[in-house]
Protein backbone atom coordinates (compact mmCIF):
# COMPACT_ATOMS: atom_id res chain seq x y z
CA MET A 1 -10.35 12.47 -8.93
CA LEU A 2 -13.15 10.44 -10.45
CA CYS A 3 -12.99 6.75 -11.25
CA SER A 4 -11.77 6.00 -14.79
CA ARG A 5 -14.33 3.19 -15.12
CA CYS A 6 -17.64 4.49 -13.73
CA ASN A 7 -16.81 8.22 -13.62
CA ARG A 8 -18.93 8.58 -10.42
CA ARG A 9 -16.87 7.77 -7.33
CA GLU A 10 -13.52 9.05 -6.11
CA ALA A 11 -10.36 7.10 -7.06
CA ASN A 12 -7.04 7.27 -5.24
CA LEU A 13 -4.91 8.05 -8.29
CA THR A 14 -5.52 9.60 -11.70
CA GLY A 15 -6.46 6.97 -14.27
CA THR A 16 -7.38 4.32 -11.71
CA ALA A 17 -10.69 2.80 -10.71
CA CYS A 18 -12.56 3.24 -7.44
CA ASN A 19 -12.72 0.37 -4.94
CA ILE A 20 -16.13 -0.85 -6.13
CA CYS A 21 -15.05 -0.94 -9.79
CA MET A 22 -11.78 -2.68 -8.88
CA LEU A 23 -13.73 -5.40 -7.02
CA ALA A 24 -16.11 -5.75 -9.97
CA SER A 25 -13.15 -6.16 -12.31
CA MET A 26 -11.64 -8.85 -10.07
CA ARG A 27 -15.00 -10.64 -9.88
CA ASP A 28 -15.30 -10.58 -13.68
CA THR A 29 -11.78 -11.98 -14.10
CA LEU A 30 -12.34 -14.77 -11.56
CA SER A 31 -15.71 -15.76 -13.00
CA LYS A 32 -14.27 -15.78 -16.52
CA VAL A 33 -11.50 -18.20 -15.48
CA GLU A 34 -13.93 -20.49 -13.64
CA SER A 35 -16.27 -20.68 -16.65
CA THR A 36 -15.60 -23.43 -19.18
CA GLU A 37 -17.86 -22.11 -21.93
CA TYR A 38 -14.99 -20.76 -24.04
CA PRO A 39 -11.23 -21.23 -24.26
CA ILE A 40 -9.24 -19.43 -21.58
CA SER A 41 -6.16 -17.49 -22.63
CA ASN A 42 -2.83 -17.57 -20.79
CA ASP A 43 -3.44 -13.96 -19.74
CA ASP A 44 -6.74 -14.88 -18.07
CA VAL A 45 -5.13 -17.74 -16.12
CA VAL A 46 -2.24 -15.49 -15.04
CA LYS A 47 -4.65 -12.71 -13.92
CA HIS A 48 -6.66 -15.22 -11.88
CA HIS A 49 -3.59 -16.50 -10.04
CA MET A 50 -2.16 -13.00 -9.63
CA ILE A 51 -5.30 -11.90 -7.77
CA ARG A 52 -5.27 -15.07 -5.65
CA ILE A 53 -1.60 -14.59 -4.72
CA MET A 54 -2.24 -10.97 -3.72
CA PHE A 55 -5.11 -11.99 -1.42
CA ASP A 56 -3.27 -14.99 0.10
CA GLY A 57 0.02 -13.21 0.83
CA CYS A 58 3.37 -14.87 1.54
CA ARG A 59 2.98 -18.57 2.36
CA ASP A 60 5.68 -18.35 5.05
CA CYS A 61 4.65 -15.25 7.01
CA GLY A 62 1.30 -14.19 5.49
CA ASP A 63 2.52 -10.65 4.77
CA LYS A 64 0.77 -9.07 1.79
CA ASN A 65 3.57 -6.62 0.97
CA PHE A 66 5.78 -8.74 -1.30
CA GLY A 67 6.93 -9.01 -4.89
CA PHE A 68 6.20 -11.74 -7.39
CA GLU A 69 6.65 -12.70 -11.02
CA ILE A 70 4.30 -15.03 -12.87
CA GLY A 71 5.16 -16.81 -16.07
CA VAL A 72 4.16 -19.66 -18.35
CA GLN A 73 6.62 -22.43 -19.21
CA GLU A 74 5.67 -24.67 -22.12
CA GLU A 75 7.07 -28.17 -22.45
CA GLU A 76 5.67 -30.06 -25.43
CA GLU A 77 2.41 -31.51 -24.00
CA VAL A 78 2.01 -29.32 -20.88
CA LYS A 79 2.00 -25.69 -19.77
CA TRP A 80 3.26 -24.79 -16.30
CA TYR A 81 2.02 -21.59 -14.68
CA VAL A 82 4.71 -20.65 -12.16
CA ALA A 83 5.20 -17.78 -9.71
CA ASN A 84 8.46 -16.61 -8.15
CA ILE A 85 7.70 -15.01 -4.78
CA HIS A 86 10.06 -12.56 -3.02
CA CYS A 87 8.95 -11.53 0.47
CA GLY A 88 10.77 -8.58 2.04
CA ASN A 89 9.20 -9.16 5.45
CA CYS A 90 10.55 -12.68 6.13
CA HIS A 91 13.21 -12.63 3.35
CA SER A 92 11.67 -15.74 1.80
CA ASN A 93 12.20 -16.57 -1.89
CA TYR A 94 10.31 -19.49 -3.35
CA LYS A 95 8.80 -20.80 -6.55
CA GLU A 96 5.17 -21.90 -6.58
CA ILE A 97 3.52 -24.02 -9.27
CA LEU A 98 0.11 -22.41 -9.77
CA GLU A 99 -1.43 -24.65 -12.40
CA VAL A 100 -0.55 -27.27 -15.00
CA ARG A 101 -2.57 -27.55 -18.22
CA ILE A 102 -2.42 -29.58 -21.40
CA ASN A 103 -0.72 -27.60 -24.14
CA GLU A 104 -3.37 -27.64 -26.87
CA SER A 105 -1.07 -25.90 -29.36
CA TYR A 106 1.36 -28.83 -29.25
CA THR A 107 1.06 -31.16 -32.24
CA ASP A 108 2.65 -34.57 -32.11
CA SER A 109 5.02 -34.94 -35.04
CA LYS A 110 4.92 -38.78 -35.02
């Protein structure tokens, strides 16, 4: 089946992109997060860390076949980007703080 993005190369599954288009998409996401020319949304930060976690693998055993959940916790002045990692290979479960940012939507009521 043809790639859903470029419509030229073969893709593994229907509706998915080929390897080259998937790498281009990852590159675009990473470069967008590293750029400071415009505000970065929570989704962009989460996508950046999701890709990094998938490449790095489990911090205990290095296995890349694991599950994770990423979320944003807001506490008045700060936002915490946190991942819960569940590795089936070494049976490790841990929480990783990915990034902490100033919560620009917080307004001081004093």
